Amino acid sequence: MQRRSWFSSALLVAAYVQTVSAAAPSGVGLPAGEWPQWRGPNRDAVSTETGLLQAWPDAGPKLAWKATGLGGGFASVAIADGRIFTMGDILPPSADAKTDAKGKKKSGPSTGQQYIFALSADDGKHLWRTPIGPSFEETGYHGSRCTPTVDGDRVYALGTNGDFLCCEAATGKVLWSKNFKTDFGGKMMSGWAYSESPLIDGDKVVVTPGGDEAGIVALDKLSGKEIWRSKLAVEGENGKDGAGYASLVISNGAGVKQYVTIVGRGCVGVDAETGKFLWSYNKIANPTANIPTPIVRDDYVFCTTGYGGGGAALLKLKKTADGVAADEVWYTGAKDFQNHHGGVVLLGDYLYCGNGHNKGFPICVEFLTGKTVWDGGRGEGSGSAAVVYADGQLYFRYQDGKVVLIEASPAGYKVNGTFQIPDCENPSWPHPVVAGGKLYLREQDNLFVYDVKK
């Protein structure tokens, strides 16, 4: 980044803070400390918390409490009505011995059980657990992927084998269930199992089975009855057929309410009322795993994937005679800018994330142009970084378990604290959550909760 005088940098930061404050979601209607779904109330990894520490002591923030017994997996947490929800695999000792230190399966059949867990938000005490299918051990890294979604007195969760449950939030009692494979002919683009976190929109719960005739499906959230299914007519040869690893978001781009996600063939949008396929963008798709959740603002959609064959792009949606089209505003190849799976945060007119496949290099990019504003280089940790924003700061949680507090400003890369998650089993992937003055870090069998209030 070009050098600026102290005065001009100060003006930039002041103007930026005003822009972020105006652009940040309000969180209206949610009690303090609520984080009811994947990436927070608005699925954008932006917390509305204020009064948080702006710098950490050398040892990091104080540990408030720790919960154990959550099993293996990479699910993050949802928080609502005094409860914490997550998912994990409980394996018998004989099966657990067949995995190495990184969680990779050595040999042997699947013998464990995957669960939805509910904990007390006060101290982490276990309230209930409900089975949601077999543990995931077939290939690669074992364990849960989905972050549950809480809606009123119900919680929705997706097991790695495609088992989809609606449960009572208070008791864990199963109210209805579906299976993506048997009910919708669903399939994943590759073998790392279903990872989506369900989207609640009004009376619907919307998910992505990835079937040939049911790429995306809307169900009645109370009964599980099918409302519509959408066949995704994606154009382009990049990627593979099937669902990706992203989760749906809501866009009103071009004046049409639609659901946007990234599947095996790239980024897509479907009409929210009917499920009609509207548009697709294939250029960022790779054949291994398309993971990050898209970002939407006004008529724009930002999408990115890793694995070398991806990249990043900004699309602008426009109304057409028969629906909606997505025009490319800018595209960067994988060598210039791509996010592996830690997610991207949009603040004002700037994107922040870990750049590069399995690298997590901190970077700030101009939203409307794709121009790099600053590049933090290697950064403080290693491997991909999962990112969340709160009160002027970015929380980077690296694959090696290093957690870094970075000032969320286009003025430059500034680190305001670091610490190491204890008992870290590489890879340390679950996305961090900031809610109620606490920083929540799921680490396989453990949940660490830190006090980050001033």
Protein backbone atom coordinates (compact mmCIF):
# COMPACT_ATOMS: atom_id res chain seq x y z
CA MET A 1 0.00 0.00 0.00
CA GLN A 2 1.25 3.49 -0.76
CA ARG A 3 2.46 5.55 2.18
CA ARG A 4 0.10 8.14 3.61
CA SER A 5 0.72 10.90 6.12
CA TRP A 6 -0.48 10.30 9.67
CA PHE A 7 -3.20 12.90 9.20
CA SER A 8 -4.54 11.42 5.96
CA SER A 9 -4.51 7.92 7.46
CA ALA A 10 -6.43 9.16 10.49
CA LEU A 11 -9.03 10.77 8.24
CA LEU A 12 -9.35 7.53 6.27
CA VAL A 13 -9.91 5.48 9.42
CA ALA A 14 -12.49 7.96 10.75
CA ALA A 15 -14.40 7.94 7.46
CA TYR A 16 -14.17 4.16 7.29
CA VAL A 17 -15.60 3.72 10.80
CA GLN A 18 -18.57 5.87 9.79
CA THR A 19 -19.05 3.80 6.62
CA VAL A 20 -18.90 0.49 8.50
CA SER A 21 -21.31 1.74 11.15
CA ALA A 22 -23.79 2.72 8.46
CA ALA A 23 -23.38 -0.54 6.56
CA ALA A 24 -23.37 -2.93 9.52
CA PRO A 25 -26.58 -4.94 10.05
CA SER A 26 -28.77 -3.77 12.87
CA GLY A 27 -29.62 -7.11 14.47
CA VAL A 28 -33.04 -5.68 15.31
CA GLY A 29 -35.27 -8.14 17.17
CA LEU A 30 -32.45 -10.32 18.50
CA PRO A 31 -31.52 -10.27 22.20
CA ALA A 32 -27.92 -9.43 23.09
CA GLY A 33 -25.61 -12.40 22.75
CA GLU A 34 -27.66 -14.24 20.11
CA TRP A 35 -25.86 -15.95 17.21
CA PRO A 36 -28.60 -18.24 15.90
CA GLN A 37 -26.97 -19.61 12.77
CA TRP A 38 -23.91 -20.00 10.56
CA ARG A 39 -21.94 -16.71 10.31
CA GLY A 40 -24.37 -14.93 12.62
CA PRO A 41 -27.78 -13.23 12.37
CA ASN A 42 -27.22 -12.03 8.79
CA ARG A 43 -24.92 -14.86 7.60
CA ASP A 44 -22.12 -12.34 6.97
CA ALA A 45 -19.74 -13.06 9.91
CA VAL A 46 -20.40 -9.57 11.28
CA SER A 47 -21.14 -9.22 15.00
CA THR A 48 -22.94 -6.13 16.30
CA GLU A 49 -21.16 -6.43 19.68
CA THR A 50 -19.57 -3.28 21.10
CA GLY A 51 -17.46 -2.48 24.15
CA LEU A 52 -14.98 -5.24 23.37
CA LEU A 53 -11.24 -5.38 23.98
CA GLN A 54 -9.34 -3.48 21.30
CA ALA A 55 -6.08 -5.20 22.20
CA TRP A 56 -5.26 -8.41 24.04
CA PRO A 57 -2.67 -9.01 26.77
CA ASP A 58 0.30 -11.17 25.86
CA ALA A 59 -1.44 -14.33 27.10
CA GLY A 60 -4.62 -13.50 25.20
CA PRO A 61 -8.10 -12.88 26.65
CA LYS A 62 -9.20 -14.59 29.87
CA LEU A 63 -10.76 -18.03 29.56
CA ALA A 64 -14.30 -17.80 30.99
CA TRP A 65 -15.07 -21.51 30.85
CA LYS A 66 -14.49 -24.69 28.85
CA ALA A 67 -16.89 -27.46 27.85
CA THR A 68 -15.89 -30.98 26.78
CA GLY A 69 -17.54 -34.08 25.38
CA LEU A 70 -18.54 -32.63 21.99
CA GLY A 71 -16.84 -35.30 19.91
CA GLY A 72 -14.90 -34.81 16.71
CA GLY A 73 -15.72 -32.35 14.00
CA PHE A 74 -15.51 -28.89 12.50
CA ALA A 75 -18.97 -27.49 13.29
CA SER A 76 -19.10 -24.00 14.75
CA VAL A 77 -21.72 -22.97 17.33
CA ALA A 78 -25.15 -21.33 17.27
CA ILE A 79 -26.38 -19.45 20.36
CA ALA A 80 -30.01 -18.67 21.20
CA ASP A 81 -32.28 -18.45 24.24
CA GLY A 82 -29.57 -19.39 26.71
CA ARG A 83 -28.42 -22.45 24.78
CA ILE A 84 -25.41 -23.29 22.62
CA PHE A 85 -25.86 -25.75 19.75
CA THR A 86 -23.17 -27.65 17.85
CA MET A 87 -22.50 -31.08 16.36
CA GLY A 88 -19.88 -33.78 16.76
CA ASP A 89 -18.96 -37.43 16.24
CA ILE A 90 -18.60 -39.76 19.20
CA LEU A 91 -16.40 -42.72 18.30
CA PRO A 92 -15.80 -45.87 20.35
CA PRO A 93 -12.16 -46.23 21.52
CA SER A 94 -11.42 -48.88 18.88
CA ALA A 95 -12.57 -46.58 16.05
CA ASP A 96 -10.88 -43.49 17.49
CA ALA A 97 -7.56 -45.35 17.49
CA LYS A 98 -7.86 -45.70 13.74
CA THR A 99 -7.39 -41.96 13.15
CA ASP A 100 -4.11 -40.09 13.18
CA ALA A 101 -3.29 -36.85 15.03
CA LYS A 102 -4.86 -34.76 12.28
CA GLY A 103 -8.16 -36.63 12.38
CA LYS A 104 -7.50 -38.52 9.15
CA LYS A 105 -8.91 -42.01 9.01
CA LYS A 106 -6.36 -44.81 8.88
CA SER A 107 -8.61 -47.79 8.12
CA GLY A 108 -11.77 -49.57 9.15
CA PRO A 109 -15.53 -49.03 8.74
CA SER A 110 -17.64 -46.25 10.22
CA THR A 111 -18.66 -47.31 13.73
CA GLY A 112 -19.47 -44.10 15.60
CA GLN A 113 -22.48 -41.84 15.97
CA GLN A 114 -22.99 -38.19 15.03
CA TYR A 115 -24.96 -35.98 17.42
CA ILE A 116 -26.55 -32.56 17.76
CA PHE A 117 -25.53 -31.13 21.16
CA ALA A 118 -27.21 -28.48 23.29
CA LEU A 119 -25.26 -26.82 26.11
CA SER A 120 -26.04 -24.18 28.69
CA ALA A 121 -24.77 -20.77 27.55
CA ASP A 122 -23.93 -19.97 31.18
CA ASP A 123 -21.36 -22.65 31.86
CA GLY A 124 -21.33 -25.22 29.04
CA LYS A 125 -23.28 -27.86 30.96
CA HIS A 126 -24.70 -30.50 28.61
CA LEU A 127 -28.48 -30.21 28.25
CA TRP A 128 -29.22 -32.87 25.62
CA ARG A 129 -27.85 -34.67 22.61
CA THR A 130 -29.74 -36.17 19.67
CA PRO A 131 -28.29 -38.67 17.17
CA ILE A 132 -28.32 -37.56 13.52
CA GLY A 133 -26.82 -40.51 11.69
CA PRO A 134 -23.49 -42.32 11.53
CA SER A 135 -20.19 -40.62 12.16
CA PHE A 136 -18.25 -39.52 9.12
CA GLU A 137 -15.05 -41.51 8.72
CA GLU A 138 -15.14 -42.76 5.14
CA THR A 139 -12.42 -40.56 3.70
CA GLY A 140 -10.33 -37.55 4.66
CA TYR A 141 -11.02 -35.68 7.89
CA HIS A 142 -13.72 -37.23 10.08
CA GLY A 143 -16.36 -35.38 12.07
CA SER A 144 -19.32 -33.02 11.81
CA ARG A 145 -19.48 -30.07 9.40
CA CYS A 146 -22.85 -28.35 9.81
CA THR A 147 -23.54 -25.50 12.23
CA PRO A 148 -27.13 -25.89 13.48
CA THR A 149 -29.72 -23.17 12.77
CA VAL A 150 -32.05 -22.03 15.57
CA ASP A 151 -35.49 -20.61 14.82
CA GLY A 152 -37.72 -19.94 17.81
CA ASP A 153 -38.32 -23.19 19.68
CA ARG A 154 -36.77 -25.34 16.95
CA VAL A 155 -33.28 -26.23 15.80
CA TYR A 156 -32.38 -27.54 12.33
CA ALA A 157 -29.25 -29.53 11.54
CA LEU A 158 -27.73 -31.54 8.69
CA GLY A 159 -25.67 -34.66 9.26
CA THR A 160 -22.71 -35.49 7.06
CA ASN A 161 -24.61 -38.40 5.48
CA GLY A 162 -27.49 -36.14 4.42
CA ASP A 163 -29.75 -36.74 7.41
CA PHE A 164 -31.70 -33.53 8.01
CA LEU A 165 -33.51 -33.07 11.35
CA CYS A 166 -35.88 -30.55 12.90
CA CYS A 167 -35.77 -30.84 16.70
CA GLU A 168 -37.25 -29.16 19.75
CA ALA A 169 -34.65 -26.67 20.94
CA ALA A 170 -35.49 -27.30 24.60
CA THR A 171 -35.37 -31.11 24.57
CA GLY A 172 -33.78 -32.36 21.34
CA LYS A 173 -36.94 -34.32 20.44
CA VAL A 174 -37.07 -34.99 16.67
CA LEU A 175 -40.14 -33.36 15.12
CA TRP A 176 -39.50 -34.36 11.52
CA SER A 177 -36.67 -35.58 9.33
CA LYS A 178 -35.55 -35.94 5.71
CA ASN A 179 -32.57 -37.49 3.98
CA PHE A 180 -30.95 -35.61 1.10
CA LYS A 181 -29.98 -38.76 -0.76
CA THR A 182 -33.13 -40.86 -0.46
CA ASP A 183 -35.71 -38.06 -0.54
CA PHE A 184 -34.13 -35.79 -3.16
CA GLY A 185 -31.54 -37.87 -5.05
CA GLY A 186 -28.88 -35.65 -3.51
CA LYS A 187 -25.14 -35.90 -4.01
CA MET A 188 -21.99 -33.99 -3.12
CA MET A 189 -19.48 -32.76 -5.68
CA SER A 190 -16.75 -34.73 -3.86
CA GLY A 191 -16.41 -37.14 -0.98
CA TRP A 192 -16.07 -34.92 2.09
CA ALA A 193 -19.74 -35.17 3.09
CA TYR A 194 -22.55 -32.66 3.49
CA SER A 195 -21.43 -29.44 5.16
CA GLU A 196 -24.28 -26.97 4.65
CA SER A 197 -25.95 -25.00 7.43
CA PRO A 198 -29.73 -24.70 6.78
CA LEU A 199 -31.33 -21.34 5.94
CA ILE A 200 -34.61 -20.26 7.58
CA ASP A 201 -36.64 -17.70 5.62
CA GLY A 202 -40.14 -16.95 6.86
CA ASP A 203 -42.12 -20.19 6.85
CA LYS A 204 -39.48 -22.03 4.81
CA VAL A 205 -36.28 -23.89 5.55
CA VAL A 206 -34.09 -23.98 2.42
CA VAL A 207 -31.27 -26.45 1.77
CA THR A 208 -29.06 -27.76 -1.05
CA PRO A 209 -29.26 -31.56 -1.56
CA GLY A 210 -27.45 -31.27 -4.91
CA GLY A 211 -29.74 -33.68 -6.79
CA ASP A 212 -30.15 -33.60 -10.56
CA GLU A 213 -33.80 -32.53 -10.18
CA ALA A 214 -33.51 -31.08 -6.68
CA GLY A 215 -30.39 -28.98 -6.51
CA ILE A 216 -32.02 -26.65 -3.97
CA VAL A 217 -35.17 -27.49 -2.00
CA ALA A 218 -37.59 -25.41 0.09
CA LEU A 219 -39.53 -27.17 2.86
CA ASP A 220 -42.21 -26.02 5.28
CA LYS A 221 -40.18 -25.41 8.43
CA LEU A 222 -42.91 -26.71 10.75
CA SER A 223 -43.88 -29.92 8.94
CA GLY A 224 -41.02 -30.68 6.56
CA LYS A 225 -43.47 -30.79 3.64
CA GLU A 226 -41.88 -29.92 0.31
CA ILE A 227 -42.78 -26.48 -1.09
CA TRP A 228 -40.64 -26.55 -4.22
CA ARG A 229 -37.50 -28.06 -5.69
CA SER A 230 -35.15 -26.34 -8.12
CA LYS A 231 -33.27 -27.94 -10.98
CA LEU A 232 -29.99 -26.05 -11.44
CA ALA A 233 -29.21 -25.59 -15.14
CA VAL A 234 -25.65 -24.35 -14.59
CA GLU A 235 -23.69 -23.40 -17.69
CA GLY A 236 -19.95 -24.15 -17.88
CA GLU A 237 -17.53 -27.03 -17.56
CA ASN A 238 -15.63 -26.02 -14.41
CA GLY A 239 -16.23 -27.98 -11.22
CA LYS A 240 -18.40 -31.07 -10.75
CA ASP A 241 -22.11 -31.82 -10.44
CA GLY A 242 -23.65 -31.92 -6.99
CA ALA A 243 -23.83 -29.73 -3.92
CA GLY A 244 -20.86 -27.69 -2.77
CA TYR A 245 -19.86 -26.89 0.79
CA ALA A 246 -21.29 -23.36 1.00
CA SER A 247 -24.52 -22.25 2.67
CA LEU A 248 -27.40 -20.26 1.17
CA VAL A 249 -27.87 -16.50 1.60
CA ILE A 250 -30.76 -14.20 0.65
CA SER A 251 -30.36 -11.54 -2.04
CA ASN A 252 -32.80 -8.96 -3.38
CA GLY A 253 -30.54 -8.17 -6.32
CA ALA A 254 -32.20 -6.72 -9.44
CA GLY A 255 -35.38 -6.33 -7.40
CA VAL A 256 -35.96 -10.11 -7.19
CA LYS A 257 -35.82 -12.00 -3.91
CA GLN A 258 -33.60 -15.01 -4.48
CA TYR A 259 -31.43 -17.60 -2.76
CA VAL A 260 -27.75 -17.56 -3.66
CA THR A 261 -25.12 -20.20 -2.97
CA ILE A 262 -22.11 -21.97 -4.48
CA VAL A 263 -22.61 -25.53 -5.72
CA GLY A 264 -20.29 -27.94 -7.51
CA ARG A 265 -20.52 -26.00 -10.79
CA GLY A 266 -20.23 -22.50 -9.33
CA CYS A 267 -22.37 -19.68 -7.96
CA VAL A 268 -26.14 -19.82 -8.58
CA GLY A 269 -29.34 -17.91 -7.82
CA VAL A 270 -32.92 -19.23 -7.68
CA ASP A 271 -36.23 -17.42 -7.17
CA ALA A 272 -37.21 -17.48 -3.49
CA GLU A 273 -40.93 -17.89 -4.12
CA THR A 274 -40.94 -20.54 -6.83
CA GLY A 275 -37.47 -22.08 -6.94
CA LYS A 276 -37.11 -21.07 -10.59
CA PHE A 277 -33.46 -21.20 -11.66
CA LEU A 278 -32.33 -17.65 -12.45
CA TRP A 279 -28.58 -17.49 -13.17
CA SER A 280 -25.20 -19.12 -12.72
CA TYR A 281 -21.51 -18.21 -12.77
CA ASN A 282 -19.08 -21.03 -13.49
CA LYS A 283 -15.66 -19.38 -13.67
CA ILE A 284 -14.79 -19.65 -9.95
CA ALA A 285 -15.74 -23.36 -9.67
CA ASN A 286 -13.05 -25.96 -8.99
CA PRO A 287 -13.42 -29.78 -9.18
CA THR A 288 -12.41 -30.50 -5.57
CA ALA A 289 -14.50 -28.41 -3.17
CA ASN A 290 -16.33 -25.08 -3.56
CA ILE A 291 -16.68 -23.86 0.01
CA PRO A 292 -16.98 -20.17 1.02
CA THR A 293 -20.45 -18.72 1.54
CA PRO A 294 -21.17 -15.92 -0.98
CA ILE A 295 -21.53 -12.29 0.10
CA VAL A 296 -24.46 -10.22 -1.16
CA ARG A 297 -25.02 -6.46 -1.09
CA ASP A 298 -27.58 -4.51 -3.12
CA ASP A 299 -27.34 -5.86 -6.70
CA TYR A 300 -23.92 -7.41 -6.11
CA VAL A 301 -22.79 -10.96 -5.34
CA PHE A 302 -19.20 -11.75 -4.34
CA CYS A 303 -18.04 -15.36 -4.72
CA THR A 304 -14.73 -17.16 -4.31
CA THR A 305 -13.28 -20.68 -4.01
CA GLY A 306 -9.86 -22.25 -3.47
CA TYR A 307 -7.97 -25.32 -4.66
CA GLY A 308 -6.01 -23.49 -7.33
CA GLY A 309 -8.78 -23.71 -9.91
CA GLY A 310 -11.00 -21.15 -8.23
CA GLY A 311 -10.42 -17.44 -7.82
CA ALA A 312 -12.72 -14.58 -6.84
CA ALA A 313 -15.35 -12.56 -8.68
CA LEU A 314 -17.84 -9.77 -8.17
CA LEU A 315 -21.11 -10.12 -10.07
CA LYS A 316 -23.85 -7.57 -10.66
CA LEU A 317 -27.41 -8.82 -11.02
CA LYS A 318 -29.74 -7.23 -13.54
CA LYS A 319 -33.38 -7.79 -14.41
CA THR A 320 -34.09 -9.45 -17.76
CA ALA A 321 -37.24 -10.26 -19.69
CA ASP A 322 -37.34 -13.81 -18.33
CA GLY A 323 -35.65 -13.40 -14.95
CA VAL A 324 -32.23 -12.26 -13.73
CA ALA A 325 -28.75 -12.27 -15.26
CA ALA A 326 -25.39 -12.04 -13.52
CA ASP A 327 -22.76 -9.85 -15.20
CA GLU A 328 -19.11 -10.13 -14.21
CA VAL A 329 -17.77 -6.88 -12.73
CA TRP A 330 -14.29 -8.24 -12.00
CA TYR A 331 -12.53 -11.57 -11.69
CA THR A 332 -9.16 -12.51 -10.24
CA GLY A 333 -7.39 -15.77 -10.93
CA ALA A 334 -6.41 -18.09 -8.11
CA LYS A 335 -2.85 -16.70 -7.92
CA ASP A 336 -4.08 -13.18 -7.23
CA PHE A 337 -6.97 -13.67 -4.82
CA GLN A 338 -8.96 -16.66 -3.56
CA ASN A 339 -10.34 -17.90 -0.26
CA HIS A 340 -9.99 -21.54 0.70
CA HIS A 341 -12.72 -22.06 3.33
CA GLY A 342 -12.31 -19.55 6.15
CA GLY A 343 -14.85 -17.14 4.70
CA VAL A 344 -14.81 -13.47 3.73
CA VAL A 345 -16.12 -10.41 5.59
CA LEU A 346 -17.45 -7.28 3.85
CA LEU A 347 -17.14 -4.03 5.85
CA GLY A 348 -18.11 -0.85 4.07
CA ASP A 349 -16.44 -1.04 0.67
CA TYR A 350 -13.72 -3.51 1.65
CA LEU A 351 -13.39 -7.29 1.75
CA TYR A 352 -11.23 -8.97 4.42
CA CYS A 353 -10.16 -12.60 4.56
CA GLY A 354 -7.31 -15.07 4.49
CA ASN A 355 -6.00 -15.15 0.92
CA GLY A 356 -4.66 -18.19 -0.93
CA HIS A 357 -5.41 -21.88 -0.91
CA ASN A 358 -4.63 -23.27 2.56
CA LYS A 359 -2.59 -20.14 3.33
CA GLY A 360 -4.78 -17.61 5.14
CA PHE A 361 -2.63 -14.61 4.23
CA PRO A 362 -4.53 -11.60 5.65
CA ILE A 363 -5.67 -9.27 2.89
CA CYS A 364 -7.92 -6.26 2.31
CA VAL A 365 -9.49 -5.89 -1.14
CA GLU A 366 -11.66 -3.14 -2.57
CA PHE A 367 -15.15 -4.57 -3.07
CA LEU A 368 -16.14 -2.78 -6.29
CA THR A 369 -12.78 -3.09 -8.10
CA GLY A 370 -10.97 -6.18 -6.78
CA LYS A 371 -7.90 -4.03 -6.14
CA THR A 372 -5.68 -5.10 -3.23
CA VAL A 373 -5.56 -2.34 -0.61
CA TRP A 374 -3.13 -4.09 1.72
CA ASP A 375 -1.55 -7.52 2.03
CA GLY A 376 -0.40 -8.75 5.44
CA GLY A 377 1.94 -11.39 4.02
CA ARG A 378 2.29 -14.65 5.90
CA GLY A 379 0.44 -13.34 8.96
CA GLU A 380 0.77 -14.66 12.50
CA GLY A 381 -0.55 -18.18 11.99
CA SER A 382 -0.37 -20.90 9.37
CA GLY A 383 -2.94 -22.63 7.18
CA SER A 384 -6.35 -21.29 6.27
CA ALA A 385 -7.98 -18.73 8.55
CA ALA A 386 -11.64 -18.54 9.60
CA VAL A 387 -12.68 -14.91 10.12
CA VAL A 388 -15.34 -12.98 12.03
CA TYR A 389 -15.74 -9.22 12.70
CA ALA A 390 -16.74 -7.44 15.92
CA ASP A 391 -16.32 -3.87 17.24
CA GLY A 392 -13.67 -2.66 14.82
CA GLN A 393 -11.60 -5.84 14.91
CA LEU A 394 -11.18 -8.98 12.81
CA TYR A 395 -10.76 -12.28 14.63
CA PHE A 396 -8.58 -14.63 12.54
CA ARG A 397 -8.58 -18.25 13.69
CA TYR A 398 -5.81 -20.12 11.85
CA GLN A 399 -5.58 -23.80 11.04
CA ASP A 400 -2.69 -24.21 13.49
CA GLY A 401 -4.86 -22.91 16.35
CA LYS A 402 -3.39 -19.40 16.47
CA VAL A 403 -6.01 -16.70 17.06
CA VAL A 404 -5.15 -13.16 15.95
CA LEU A 405 -6.87 -9.82 16.54
CA ILE A 406 -6.44 -7.56 13.48
CA GLU A 407 -7.69 -3.99 13.12
CA ALA A 408 -10.47 -3.88 10.54
CA SER A 409 -9.28 -0.88 8.58
CA PRO A 410 -8.16 -0.23 4.99
CA ALA A 411 -5.42 2.04 6.41
CA GLY A 412 -3.10 -0.94 6.89
CA TYR A 413 -2.40 -4.29 8.51
CA LYS A 414 -2.20 -3.96 12.30
CA VAL A 415 -2.15 -6.82 14.81
CA ASN A 416 -3.64 -6.11 18.25
CA GLY A 417 -3.11 -9.46 19.92
CA THR A 418 -2.50 -13.18 19.49
CA PHE A 419 -2.90 -16.38 21.50
CA GLN A 420 -2.83 -20.12 20.96
CA ILE A 421 -5.86 -22.37 21.43
CA PRO A 422 -4.86 -25.08 23.95
CA ASP A 423 -5.18 -28.78 23.21
CA CYS A 424 -5.25 -27.94 19.51
CA GLU A 425 -5.64 -30.82 17.10
CA ASN A 426 -4.56 -29.66 13.66
CA PRO A 427 -6.47 -28.70 11.56
CA SER A 428 -8.23 -26.13 13.74
CA TRP A 429 -11.03 -25.09 11.37
CA PRO A 430 -14.34 -24.22 13.11
CA HIS A 431 -15.36 -20.60 12.57
CA PRO A 432 -15.10 -18.31 15.62
CA VAL A 433 -18.18 -16.66 17.13
CA VAL A 434 -18.33 -13.36 19.05
CA ALA A 435 -21.53 -12.89 21.05
CA GLY A 436 -22.49 -11.59 24.50
CA GLY A 437 -18.98 -10.30 25.17
CA LYS A 438 -17.56 -13.78 24.63
CA LEU A 439 -15.36 -15.39 21.97
CA TYR A 440 -16.41 -18.99 21.24
CA LEU A 441 -13.86 -21.39 19.78
CA ARG A 442 -14.88 -24.98 19.08
CA GLU A 443 -11.85 -27.27 19.03
CA GLN A 444 -12.89 -30.88 18.33
CA ASP A 445 -14.12 -32.35 21.64
CA ASN A 446 -13.73 -28.99 23.43
CA LEU A 447 -15.42 -25.61 23.39
CA PHE A 448 -13.31 -22.73 24.73
CA VAL A 449 -15.15 -19.55 25.73
CA TYR A 450 -13.11 -16.37 26.30
CA ASP A 451 -14.14 -13.11 27.91
CA VAL A 452 -13.44 -10.31 25.39
CA LYS A 453 -15.50 -7.56 27.03
CA LYS A 454 -13.63 -4.43 28.05
